[in-house]
Amino acid sequence: AHETSDRLYVAGSARKHRLSNTAHVDVQLIDSSGTVLAEGQNDISPTHTPPGGGKRFTDSYVVSFPLSKARQAAKIRVIYHGNAHRERNS
């Protein structure tokens, strides 16, 4: 995670051979009592080809939050999902 003047960015990567086409992450900002303050979702996308060519071995994600909200959090939770969330029927 890193900050800019107005946002907190949470970025990471996952090993490519383990990913499905619907793989994504949910990123949560959590306060000291365990309450989720904010949540964002991002698909895991292919990274650029390594310098000099060759195969990619990781794919990446990035989720951002307003810095004002992020400063209220005690921790960040990243949850990997290999498939899309199932939609609930009402």
Protein backbone atom coordinates (compact mmCIF):
# COMPACT_ATOMS: atom_id res chain seq x y z
CA ALA A 1 0.00 0.00 0.00
CA HIS A 2 1.17 3.55 -0.68
CA GLU A 3 -0.24 7.04 -0.28
CA THR A 4 -0.42 9.99 -2.63
CA SER A 5 -1.61 13.44 -1.62
CA ASP A 6 -5.27 12.35 -1.60
CA ARG A 7 -5.53 8.54 -2.03
CA LEU A 8 -4.31 5.25 -0.59
CA TYR A 9 -3.46 2.65 -3.24
CA VAL A 10 -3.40 -1.06 -2.41
CA ALA A 11 -1.65 -3.07 -5.12
CA GLY A 12 -0.39 -6.61 -5.45
CA SER A 13 0.00 -9.59 -7.71
CA ALA A 14 -1.01 -13.23 -8.05
CA ARG A 15 0.67 -16.13 -9.79
CA LYS A 16 -0.74 -16.43 -13.30
CA HIS A 17 -1.01 -20.22 -13.53
CA ARG A 18 -3.51 -20.25 -10.67
CA LEU A 19 -5.93 -17.65 -12.09
CA SER A 20 -9.29 -18.03 -13.79
CA ASN A 21 -10.76 -15.41 -16.14
CA THR A 22 -12.99 -14.17 -13.32
CA ALA A 23 -10.31 -13.96 -10.61
CA HIS A 24 -10.47 -10.76 -8.55
CA VAL A 25 -9.72 -9.31 -5.14
CA ASP A 26 -11.87 -7.53 -2.60
CA VAL A 27 -9.88 -5.01 -0.56
CA GLN A 28 -11.30 -3.82 2.76
CA LEU A 29 -10.30 -1.03 5.14
CA ILE A 30 -11.02 -2.20 8.70
CA ASP A 31 -11.07 -0.15 11.92
CA SER A 32 -9.72 -1.27 15.29
CA SER A 33 -13.06 -2.85 16.29
CA GLY A 34 -13.18 -4.99 13.13
CA THR A 35 -15.78 -2.92 11.27
CA VAL A 36 -15.33 -2.63 7.50
CA LEU A 37 -15.05 1.09 6.74
CA ALA A 38 -14.74 0.81 2.96
CA GLU A 39 -14.42 -1.91 0.35
CA GLY A 40 -13.22 -1.97 -3.24
CA GLN A 41 -12.96 -4.69 -5.85
CA ASN A 42 -10.62 -5.16 -8.82
CA ASP A 43 -10.11 -7.83 -11.45
CA ILE A 44 -6.64 -9.33 -11.56
CA SER A 45 -5.21 -8.08 -14.86
CA PRO A 46 -2.18 -9.11 -16.90
CA THR A 47 0.99 -7.19 -16.19
CA HIS A 48 3.27 -5.90 -18.90
CA THR A 49 5.66 -8.31 -20.58
CA PRO A 50 8.98 -8.33 -18.71
CA PRO A 51 11.82 -6.24 -20.15
CA GLY A 52 13.57 -8.23 -22.85
CA GLY A 53 10.42 -10.26 -23.56
CA GLY A 54 9.59 -13.62 -22.10
CA LYS A 55 6.53 -14.96 -20.31
CA ARG A 56 4.54 -13.24 -17.59
CA PHE A 57 4.35 -15.18 -14.34
CA THR A 58 2.15 -12.79 -12.34
CA ASP A 59 -0.97 -10.70 -12.88
CA SER A 60 -1.72 -7.58 -10.86
CA TYR A 61 -4.49 -5.61 -9.17
CA VAL A 62 -4.89 -2.14 -7.68
CA VAL A 63 -7.66 -0.61 -5.56
CA SER A 64 -7.68 2.93 -4.20
CA PHE A 65 -9.49 4.74 -1.40
CA PRO A 66 -9.79 8.39 -0.36
CA LEU A 67 -6.98 9.13 2.09
CA SER A 68 -9.47 10.65 4.55
CA LYS A 69 -11.22 7.25 4.81
CA ALA A 70 -7.98 5.23 4.79
CA ARG A 71 -6.57 7.13 7.78
CA GLN A 72 -9.44 5.84 9.91
CA ALA A 73 -8.44 2.21 9.25
CA ALA A 74 -6.33 0.03 11.53
CA LYS A 75 -5.69 -2.64 8.89
CA ILE A 76 -6.21 -3.61 5.27
CA ARG A 77 -7.66 -6.98 4.29
CA VAL A 78 -7.19 -8.41 0.78
CA ILE A 79 -9.45 -11.34 -0.14
CA TYR A 80 -8.70 -13.34 -3.30
CA HIS A 81 -11.63 -14.87 -5.22
CA GLY A 82 -10.89 -17.35 -7.99
CA ASN A 83 -14.34 -16.84 -9.52
CA ALA A 84 -16.98 -14.11 -9.70
CA HIS A 85 -19.27 -13.55 -6.72
CA ARG A 86 -22.52 -15.41 -7.00
CA GLU A 87 -25.52 -13.16 -7.39
CA ARG A 88 -28.21 -13.57 -4.79
CA ASN A 89 -31.83 -14.00 -5.81
CA SER A 90 -34.34 -11.97 -3.82
